[in-house]
mmCIF file of all heavy atoms, coordinates in Angstrom:
data_MODEL
# 
_entry.id   MODEL 
# 
loop_
_atom_site.group_PDB 
_atom_site.id 
_atom_site.type_symbol 
_atom_site.label_atom_id 
_atom_site.label_alt_id 
_atom_site.label_comp_id 
_atom_site.label_asym_id 
_atom_site.label_entity_id 
_atom_site.label_seq_id 
_atom_site.pdbx_PDB_ins_code 
_atom_site.Cartn_x 
_atom_site.Cartn_y 
_atom_site.Cartn_z 
_atom_site.occupancy 
_atom_site.B_iso_or_equiv 
_atom_site.pdbx_formal_charge 
_atom_site.auth_seq_id 
_atom_site.auth_comp_id 
_atom_site.auth_asym_id 
_atom_site.auth_atom_id 
_atom_site.pdbx_PDB_model_num 
ATOM 1   N N   . ASN A 1 1  ? 22.767  -12.196 0.253  1.00 0.00 ? 1  ASN A N   1 
ATOM 2   C CA  . ASN A 1 1  ? 22.296  -11.454 1.407  1.00 0.00 ? 1  ASN A CA  1 
ATOM 3   C C   . ASN A 1 1  ? 21.212  -10.335 1.090  1.00 0.00 ? 1  ASN A C   1 
ATOM 4   O O   . ASN A 1 1  ? 21.060  -9.460  1.998  1.00 0.00 ? 1  ASN A O   1 
ATOM 5   C CB  . ASN A 1 1  ? 23.521  -10.812 2.165  1.00 0.00 ? 1  ASN A CB  1 
ATOM 6   C CG  . ASN A 1 1  ? 24.499  -11.826 2.644  1.00 0.00 ? 1  ASN A CG  1 
ATOM 7   O OD1 . ASN A 1 1  ? 24.112  -12.891 3.171  1.00 0.00 ? 1  ASN A OD1 1 
ATOM 8   N ND2 . ASN A 1 1  ? 25.761  -11.473 2.568  1.00 0.00 ? 1  ASN A ND2 1 
ATOM 9   N N   . ALA A 1 2  ? 20.600  -10.581 0.016  1.00 0.00 ? 2  ALA A N   1 
ATOM 10  C CA  . ALA A 1 2  ? 19.514  -9.443  -0.327 1.00 0.00 ? 2  ALA A CA  1 
ATOM 11  C C   . ALA A 1 2  ? 18.439  -9.526  0.734  1.00 0.00 ? 2  ALA A C   1 
ATOM 12  O O   . ALA A 1 2  ? 17.988  -8.478  0.994  1.00 0.00 ? 2  ALA A O   1 
ATOM 13  C CB  . ALA A 1 2  ? 18.964  -9.819  -1.621 1.00 0.00 ? 2  ALA A CB  1 
ATOM 14  N N   . LEU A 1 3  ? 18.204  -10.614 1.391  1.00 0.00 ? 3  LEU A N   1 
ATOM 15  C CA  . LEU A 1 3  ? 17.155  -10.685 2.288  1.00 0.00 ? 3  LEU A CA  1 
ATOM 16  C C   . LEU A 1 3  ? 17.587  -10.920 3.794  1.00 0.00 ? 3  LEU A C   1 
ATOM 17  O O   . LEU A 1 3  ? 16.764  -11.161 4.652  1.00 0.00 ? 3  LEU A O   1 
ATOM 18  C CB  . LEU A 1 3  ? 16.068  -11.657 2.002  1.00 0.00 ? 3  LEU A CB  1 
ATOM 19  C CG  . LEU A 1 3  ? 15.355  -11.594 0.590  1.00 0.00 ? 3  LEU A CG  1 
ATOM 20  C CD1 . LEU A 1 3  ? 14.404  -12.657 0.347  1.00 0.00 ? 3  LEU A CD1 1 
ATOM 21  C CD2 . LEU A 1 3  ? 14.643  -10.208 0.552  1.00 0.00 ? 3  LEU A CD2 1 
ATOM 22  N N   . GLY A 1 4  ? 18.909  -10.855 3.849  1.00 0.00 ? 4  GLY A N   1 
ATOM 23  C CA  . GLY A 1 4  ? 19.449  -11.056 5.173  1.00 0.00 ? 4  GLY A CA  1 
ATOM 24  C C   . GLY A 1 4  ? 19.297  -12.453 5.722  1.00 0.00 ? 4  GLY A C   1 
ATOM 25  O O   . GLY A 1 4  ? 19.275  -12.674 6.939  1.00 0.00 ? 4  GLY A O   1 
ATOM 26  N N   . GLY A 1 5  ? 19.002  -13.405 4.735  1.00 0.00 ? 5  GLY A N   1 
ATOM 27  C CA  . GLY A 1 5  ? 18.803  -14.748 5.207  1.00 0.00 ? 5  GLY A CA  1 
ATOM 28  C C   . GLY A 1 5  ? 17.383  -15.038 5.756  1.00 0.00 ? 5  GLY A C   1 
ATOM 29  O O   . GLY A 1 5  ? 17.055  -16.106 6.134  1.00 0.00 ? 5  GLY A O   1 
ATOM 30  N N   . GLY A 1 6  ? 16.585  -13.977 5.743  1.00 0.00 ? 6  GLY A N   1 
ATOM 31  C CA  . GLY A 1 6  ? 15.218  -14.113 6.318  1.00 0.00 ? 6  GLY A CA  1 
ATOM 32  C C   . GLY A 1 6  ? 14.185  -13.994 5.226  1.00 0.00 ? 6  GLY A C   1 
ATOM 33  O O   . GLY A 1 6  ? 14.462  -13.968 4.016  1.00 0.00 ? 6  GLY A O   1 
ATOM 34  N N   . ALA A 1 7  ? 12.949  -13.909 5.638  1.00 0.00 ? 7  ALA A N   1 
ATOM 35  C CA  . ALA A 1 7  ? 11.784  -13.781 4.708  1.00 0.00 ? 7  ALA A CA  1 
ATOM 36  C C   . ALA A 1 7  ? 11.602  -12.419 4.309  1.00 0.00 ? 7  ALA A C   1 
ATOM 37  O O   . ALA A 1 7  ? 11.868  -11.483 5.073  1.00 0.00 ? 7  ALA A O   1 
ATOM 38  C CB  . ALA A 1 7  ? 10.540  -14.388 5.455  1.00 0.00 ? 7  ALA A CB  1 
ATOM 39  N N   . PRO A 1 8  ? 11.228  -12.156 3.059  1.00 0.00 ? 8  PRO A N   1 
ATOM 40  C CA  . PRO A 1 8  ? 10.907  -10.738 2.626  1.00 0.00 ? 8  PRO A CA  1 
ATOM 41  C C   . PRO A 1 8  ? 9.787   -10.096 3.494  1.00 0.00 ? 8  PRO A C   1 
ATOM 42  O O   . PRO A 1 8  ? 8.886   -10.791 3.930  1.00 0.00 ? 8  PRO A O   1 
ATOM 43  C CB  . PRO A 1 8  ? 10.512  -10.884 1.173  1.00 0.00 ? 8  PRO A CB  1 
ATOM 44  C CG  . PRO A 1 8  ? 9.991   -12.328 1.050  1.00 0.00 ? 8  PRO A CG  1 
ATOM 45  C CD  . PRO A 1 8  ? 10.778  -13.110 1.936  1.00 0.00 ? 8  PRO A CD  1 
ATOM 46  N N   . ASN A 1 9  ? 10.061  -8.820  3.634  1.00 0.00 ? 9  ASN A N   1 
ATOM 47  C CA  . ASN A 1 9  ? 8.930   -8.123  4.467  1.00 0.00 ? 9  ASN A CA  1 
ATOM 48  C C   . ASN A 1 9  ? 8.258   -7.162  3.452  1.00 0.00 ? 9  ASN A C   1 
ATOM 49  O O   . ASN A 1 9  ? 8.680   -6.083  3.098  1.00 0.00 ? 9  ASN A O   1 
ATOM 50  C CB  . ASN A 1 9  ? 9.658   -7.229  5.522  1.00 0.00 ? 9  ASN A CB  1 
ATOM 51  C CG  . ASN A 1 9  ? 8.690   -6.441  6.309  1.00 0.00 ? 9  ASN A CG  1 
ATOM 52  O OD1 . ASN A 1 9  ? 7.467   -6.846  6.383  1.00 0.00 ? 9  ASN A OD1 1 
ATOM 53  N ND2 . ASN A 1 9  ? 9.101   -5.350  6.879  1.00 0.00 ? 9  ASN A ND2 1 
ATOM 54  N N   . PHE A 1 10 ? 7.030   -7.574  3.028  1.00 0.00 ? 10 PHE A N   1 
ATOM 55  C CA  . PHE A 1 10 ? 6.237   -6.938  2.088  1.00 0.00 ? 10 PHE A CA  1 
ATOM 56  C C   . PHE A 1 10 ? 5.372   -5.887  2.757  1.00 0.00 ? 10 PHE A C   1 
ATOM 57  O O   . PHE A 1 10 ? 4.706   -6.281  3.832  1.00 0.00 ? 10 PHE A O   1 
ATOM 58  C CB  . PHE A 1 10 ? 5.350   -7.852  1.175  1.00 0.00 ? 10 PHE A CB  1 
ATOM 59  C CG  . PHE A 1 10 ? 6.088   -8.792  0.321  1.00 0.00 ? 10 PHE A CG  1 
ATOM 60  C CD1 . PHE A 1 10 ? 6.258   -10.093 0.572  1.00 0.00 ? 10 PHE A CD1 1 
ATOM 61  C CD2 . PHE A 1 10 ? 6.715   -8.287  -0.844 1.00 0.00 ? 10 PHE A CD2 1 
ATOM 62  C CE1 . PHE A 1 10 ? 6.961   -10.925 -0.227 1.00 0.00 ? 10 PHE A CE1 1 
ATOM 63  C CE2 . PHE A 1 10 ? 7.357   -9.143  -1.718 1.00 0.00 ? 10 PHE A CE2 1 
ATOM 64  C CZ  . PHE A 1 10 ? 7.574   -10.379 -1.483 1.00 0.00 ? 10 PHE A CZ  1 
ATOM 65  N N   . VAL A 1 11 ? 5.442   -4.631  2.339  1.00 0.00 ? 11 VAL A N   1 
ATOM 66  C CA  . VAL A 1 11 ? 4.629   -3.567  2.947  1.00 0.00 ? 11 VAL A CA  1 
ATOM 67  C C   . VAL A 1 11 ? 3.634   -3.079  1.961  1.00 0.00 ? 11 VAL A C   1 
ATOM 68  O O   . VAL A 1 11 ? 4.032   -2.646  0.862  1.00 0.00 ? 11 VAL A O   1 
ATOM 69  C CB  . VAL A 1 11 ? 5.604   -2.444  3.469  1.00 0.00 ? 11 VAL A CB  1 
ATOM 70  C CG1 . VAL A 1 11 ? 4.780   -1.293  4.006  1.00 0.00 ? 11 VAL A CG1 1 
ATOM 71  C CG2 . VAL A 1 11 ? 6.634   -2.875  4.392  1.00 0.00 ? 11 VAL A CG2 1 
ATOM 72  N N   . ALA A 1 12 ? 2.359   -3.035  2.327  1.00 0.00 ? 12 ALA A N   1 
ATOM 73  C CA  . ALA A 1 12 ? 1.294   -2.551  1.540  1.00 0.00 ? 12 ALA A CA  1 
ATOM 74  C C   . ALA A 1 12 ? 1.394   -1.080  1.428  1.00 0.00 ? 12 ALA A C   1 
ATOM 75  O O   . ALA A 1 12 ? 0.994   -0.369  2.392  1.00 0.00 ? 12 ALA A O   1 
ATOM 76  C CB  . ALA A 1 12 ? -0.079  -3.056  1.997  1.00 0.00 ? 12 ALA A CB  1 
ATOM 77  N N   . ALA A 1 13 ? 1.794   -0.442  0.349  1.00 0.00 ? 13 ALA A N   1 
ATOM 78  C CA  . ALA A 1 13 ? 2.031   0.960   0.260  1.00 0.00 ? 13 ALA A CA  1 
ATOM 79  C C   . ALA A 1 13 ? 0.959   1.546   -0.788 1.00 0.00 ? 13 ALA A C   1 
ATOM 80  O O   . ALA A 1 13 ? 0.885   2.795   -0.782 1.00 0.00 ? 13 ALA A O   1 
ATOM 81  C CB  . ALA A 1 13 ? 3.437   1.288   -0.195 1.00 0.00 ? 13 ALA A CB  1 
ATOM 82  N N   . ASN A 1 14 ? 0.262   0.757   -1.406 1.00 0.00 ? 14 ASN A N   1 
ATOM 83  C CA  . ASN A 1 14 ? -0.729  1.260   -2.399 1.00 0.00 ? 14 ASN A CA  1 
ATOM 84  C C   . ASN A 1 14 ? -2.024  0.533   -2.222 1.00 0.00 ? 14 ASN A C   1 
ATOM 85  O O   . ASN A 1 14 ? -2.367  -0.241  -3.099 1.00 0.00 ? 14 ASN A O   1 
ATOM 86  C CB  . ASN A 1 14 ? -0.174  1.157   -3.748 1.00 0.00 ? 14 ASN A CB  1 
ATOM 87  C CG  . ASN A 1 14 ? -1.015  1.769   -4.816 1.00 0.00 ? 14 ASN A CG  1 
ATOM 88  O OD1 . ASN A 1 14 ? -1.860  2.672   -4.559 1.00 0.00 ? 14 ASN A OD1 1 
ATOM 89  N ND2 . ASN A 1 14 ? -0.902  1.422   -6.069 1.00 0.00 ? 14 ASN A ND2 1 
ATOM 90  N N   . PRO A 1 15 ? -2.811  0.659   -1.187 1.00 0.00 ? 15 PRO A N   1 
ATOM 91  C CA  . PRO A 1 15 ? -3.997  -0.079  -0.893 1.00 0.00 ? 15 PRO A CA  1 
ATOM 92  C C   . PRO A 1 15 ? -5.088  0.172   -1.864 1.00 0.00 ? 15 PRO A C   1 
ATOM 93  O O   . PRO A 1 15 ? -5.157  1.299   -2.465 1.00 0.00 ? 15 PRO A O   1 
ATOM 94  C CB  . PRO A 1 15 ? -4.410  0.222   0.494  1.00 0.00 ? 15 PRO A CB  1 
ATOM 95  C CG  . PRO A 1 15 ? -3.714  1.677   0.834  1.00 0.00 ? 15 PRO A CG  1 
ATOM 96  C CD  . PRO A 1 15 ? -2.526  1.626   0.035  1.00 0.00 ? 15 PRO A CD  1 
ATOM 97  N N   . ARG A 1 16 ? -5.926  -0.808  -2.276 1.00 0.00 ? 16 ARG A N   1 
ATOM 98  C CA  . ARG A 1 16 ? -6.998  -0.542  -3.111 1.00 0.00 ? 16 ARG A CA  1 
ATOM 99  C C   . ARG A 1 16 ? -8.009  0.438   -2.551 1.00 0.00 ? 16 ARG A C   1 
ATOM 100 O O   . ARG A 1 16 ? -8.336  0.430   -1.300 1.00 0.00 ? 16 ARG A O   1 
ATOM 101 C CB  . ARG A 1 16 ? -7.857  -1.836  -3.299 1.00 0.00 ? 16 ARG A CB  1 
ATOM 102 C CG  . ARG A 1 16 ? -7.229  -2.880  -4.318 1.00 0.00 ? 16 ARG A CG  1 
ATOM 103 C CD  . ARG A 1 16 ? -8.126  -4.115  -4.391 1.00 0.00 ? 16 ARG A CD  1 
ATOM 104 N NE  . ARG A 1 16 ? -7.937  -4.812  -5.575 1.00 0.00 ? 16 ARG A NE  1 
ATOM 105 C CZ  . ARG A 1 16 ? -8.465  -5.919  -5.844 1.00 0.00 ? 16 ARG A CZ  1 
ATOM 106 N NH1 . ARG A 1 16 ? -9.421  -6.425  -4.965 1.00 0.00 ? 16 ARG A NH1 1 
ATOM 107 N NH2 . ARG A 1 16 ? -8.302  -6.585  -7.055 1.00 0.00 ? 16 ARG A NH2 1 
ATOM 108 N N   . PRO A 1 17 ? -8.413  1.560   -3.274 1.00 0.00 ? 17 PRO A N   1 
ATOM 109 C CA  . PRO A 1 17 ? -9.320  2.455   -2.816 1.00 0.00 ? 17 PRO A CA  1 
ATOM 110 C C   . PRO A 1 17 ? -10.753 1.890   -2.950 1.00 0.00 ? 17 PRO A C   1 
ATOM 111 O O   . PRO A 1 17 ? -11.162 1.472   -4.035 1.00 0.00 ? 17 PRO A O   1 
ATOM 112 C CB  . PRO A 1 17 ? -9.226  3.619   -3.703 1.00 0.00 ? 17 PRO A CB  1 
ATOM 113 C CG  . PRO A 1 17 ? -8.752  3.083   -4.968 1.00 0.00 ? 17 PRO A CG  1 
ATOM 114 C CD  . PRO A 1 17 ? -7.947  1.848   -4.638 1.00 0.00 ? 17 PRO A CD  1 
ATOM 115 N N   . ASP A 1 18 ? -11.592 1.858   -1.857 1.00 0.00 ? 18 ASP A N   1 
ATOM 116 C CA  . ASP A 1 18 ? -12.948 1.431   -2.101 1.00 0.00 ? 18 ASP A CA  1 
ATOM 117 C C   . ASP A 1 18 ? -13.780 2.519   -2.651 1.00 0.00 ? 18 ASP A C   1 
ATOM 118 O O   . ASP A 1 18 ? -14.430 2.290   -3.580 1.00 0.00 ? 18 ASP A O   1 
ATOM 119 C CB  . ASP A 1 18 ? -13.600 1.011   -0.603 1.00 0.00 ? 18 ASP A CB  1 
ATOM 120 C CG  . ASP A 1 18 ? -15.013 0.665   -0.789 1.00 0.00 ? 18 ASP A CG  1 
ATOM 121 O OD1 . ASP A 1 18 ? -15.268 -0.154  -1.598 1.00 0.00 ? 18 ASP A OD1 1 
ATOM 122 O OD2 . ASP A 1 18 ? -15.852 1.213   0.053  1.00 0.00 ? 18 ASP A OD2 1 
ATOM 123 N N   . GLN A 1 19 ? -13.545 3.735   -2.315 1.00 0.00 ? 19 GLN A N   1 
ATOM 124 C CA  . GLN A 1 19 ? -14.326 4.892   -2.927 1.00 0.00 ? 19 GLN A CA  1 
ATOM 125 C C   . GLN A 1 19 ? -13.341 5.802   -3.362 1.00 0.00 ? 19 GLN A C   1 
ATOM 126 O O   . GLN A 1 19 ? -12.127 5.944   -2.875 1.00 0.00 ? 19 GLN A O   1 
ATOM 127 C CB  . GLN A 1 19 ? -15.141 5.501   -1.738 1.00 0.00 ? 19 GLN A CB  1 
ATOM 128 C CG  . GLN A 1 19 ? -16.254 4.622   -0.974 1.00 0.00 ? 19 GLN A CG  1 
ATOM 129 C CD  . GLN A 1 19 ? -17.431 4.409   -1.914 1.00 0.00 ? 19 GLN A CD  1 
ATOM 130 O OE1 . GLN A 1 19 ? -17.725 5.127   -2.915 1.00 0.00 ? 19 GLN A OE1 1 
ATOM 131 N NE2 . GLN A 1 19 ? -18.223 3.387   -1.602 1.00 0.00 ? 19 GLN A NE2 1 
ATOM 132 N N   . PRO A 1 20 ? -13.767 6.719   -4.303 1.00 0.00 ? 20 PRO A N   1 
ATOM 133 C CA  . PRO A 1 20 ? -12.786 7.861   -4.711 1.00 0.00 ? 20 PRO A CA  1 
ATOM 134 C C   . PRO A 1 20 ? -12.790 8.849   -3.587 1.00 0.00 ? 20 PRO A C   1 
ATOM 135 O O   . PRO A 1 20 ? -13.545 8.905   -2.718 1.00 0.00 ? 20 PRO A O   1 
ATOM 136 C CB  . PRO A 1 20 ? -13.677 8.311   -5.910 1.00 0.00 ? 20 PRO A CB  1 
ATOM 137 C CG  . PRO A 1 20 ? -15.071 8.027   -5.708 1.00 0.00 ? 20 PRO A CG  1 
ATOM 138 C CD  . PRO A 1 20 ? -15.049 6.632   -5.051 1.00 0.00 ? 20 PRO A CD  1 
ATOM 139 N N   . VAL A 1 21 ? -11.739 9.544   -3.681 1.00 0.00 ? 21 VAL A N   1 
ATOM 140 C CA  . VAL A 1 21 ? -11.426 10.552  -2.658 1.00 0.00 ? 21 VAL A CA  1 
ATOM 141 C C   . VAL A 1 21 ? -12.510 11.628  -2.821 1.00 0.00 ? 21 VAL A C   1 
ATOM 142 O O   . VAL A 1 21 ? -13.046 11.967  -3.819 1.00 0.00 ? 21 VAL A O   1 
ATOM 143 C CB  . VAL A 1 21 ? -10.184 11.319  -2.897 1.00 0.00 ? 21 VAL A CB  1 
ATOM 144 C CG1 . VAL A 1 21 ? -9.895  12.488  -2.053 1.00 0.00 ? 21 VAL A CG1 1 
ATOM 145 C CG2 . VAL A 1 21 ? -8.926  10.362  -2.801 1.00 0.00 ? 21 VAL A CG2 1 
ATOM 146 N N   . ASN A 1 22 ? -13.075 12.086  -1.673 1.00 0.00 ? 22 ASN A N   1 
ATOM 147 C CA  . ASN A 1 22 ? -14.121 13.080  -1.585 1.00 0.00 ? 22 ASN A CA  1 
ATOM 148 C C   . ASN A 1 22 ? -13.657 14.375  -2.237 1.00 0.00 ? 22 ASN A C   1 
ATOM 149 O O   . ASN A 1 22 ? -12.686 14.972  -1.857 1.00 0.00 ? 22 ASN A O   1 
ATOM 150 C CB  . ASN A 1 22 ? -14.556 13.339  -0.109 1.00 0.00 ? 22 ASN A CB  1 
ATOM 151 C CG  . ASN A 1 22 ? -15.739 14.262  -0.016 1.00 0.00 ? 22 ASN A CG  1 
ATOM 152 O OD1 . ASN A 1 22 ? -16.327 14.641  -1.014 1.00 0.00 ? 22 ASN A OD1 1 
ATOM 153 N ND2 . ASN A 1 22 ? -16.014 14.580  1.223  1.00 0.00 ? 22 ASN A ND2 1 
ATOM 154 N N   . VAL A 1 23 ? -14.353 14.777  -3.280 1.00 0.00 ? 23 VAL A N   1 
ATOM 155 C CA  . VAL A 1 23 ? -13.999 16.011  -3.990 1.00 0.00 ? 23 VAL A CA  1 
ATOM 156 C C   . VAL A 1 23 ? -14.858 17.140  -3.674 1.00 0.00 ? 23 VAL A C   1 
ATOM 157 O O   . VAL A 1 23 ? -14.679 18.224  -4.161 1.00 0.00 ? 23 VAL A O   1 
ATOM 158 C CB  . VAL A 1 23 ? -14.186 15.773  -5.583 1.00 0.00 ? 23 VAL A CB  1 
ATOM 159 C CG1 . VAL A 1 23 ? -13.215 14.676  -6.037 1.00 0.00 ? 23 VAL A CG1 1 
ATOM 160 C CG2 . VAL A 1 23 ? -15.512 15.267  -6.067 1.00 0.00 ? 23 VAL A CG2 1 
ATOM 161 N N   . GLY A 1 24 ? -15.856 16.987  -2.825 1.00 0.00 ? 24 GLY A N   1 
ATOM 162 C CA  . GLY A 1 24 ? -16.559 18.115  -2.268 1.00 0.00 ? 24 GLY A CA  1 
ATOM 163 C C   . GLY A 1 24 ? -17.417 18.792  -3.357 1.00 0.00 ? 24 GLY A C   1 
ATOM 164 O O   . GLY A 1 24 ? -17.768 18.146  -4.454 1.00 0.00 ? 24 GLY A O   1 
ATOM 165 N N   . GLY A 1 25 ? -17.857 19.971  -3.147 1.00 0.00 ? 25 GLY A N   1 
ATOM 166 C CA  . GLY A 1 25 ? -18.680 20.702  -4.122 1.00 0.00 ? 25 GLY A CA  1 
ATOM 167 C C   . GLY A 1 25 ? -20.128 20.299  -4.101 1.00 0.00 ? 25 GLY A C   1 
ATOM 168 O O   . GLY A 1 25 ? -20.638 19.310  -3.288 1.00 0.00 ? 25 GLY A O   1 
ATOM 169 N N   . ASP A 1 26 ? -20.982 20.863  -5.002 1.00 0.00 ? 26 ASP A N   1 
ATOM 170 C CA  . ASP A 1 26 ? -22.358 20.499  -5.122 1.00 0.00 ? 26 ASP A CA  1 
ATOM 171 C C   . ASP A 1 26 ? -22.650 19.900  -6.561 1.00 0.00 ? 26 ASP A C   1 
ATOM 172 O O   . ASP A 1 26 ? -23.812 19.603  -6.937 1.00 0.00 ? 26 ASP A O   1 
ATOM 173 C CB  . ASP A 1 26 ? -23.250 21.667  -4.815 1.00 0.00 ? 26 ASP A CB  1 
ATOM 174 C CG  . ASP A 1 26 ? -22.744 23.114  -5.441 1.00 0.00 ? 26 ASP A CG  1 
ATOM 175 O OD1 . ASP A 1 26 ? -22.062 23.051  -6.448 1.00 0.00 ? 26 ASP A OD1 1 
ATOM 176 O OD2 . ASP A 1 26 ? -22.923 23.999  -4.756 1.00 0.00 ? 26 ASP A OD2 1 
# 
């Protein structure tokens, strides 16, 4: 019963970053 008889529900919790986080400054 680990999946309750259904299909697993995968949740994307760590998406690929396209750009680095904006660090500001000059």
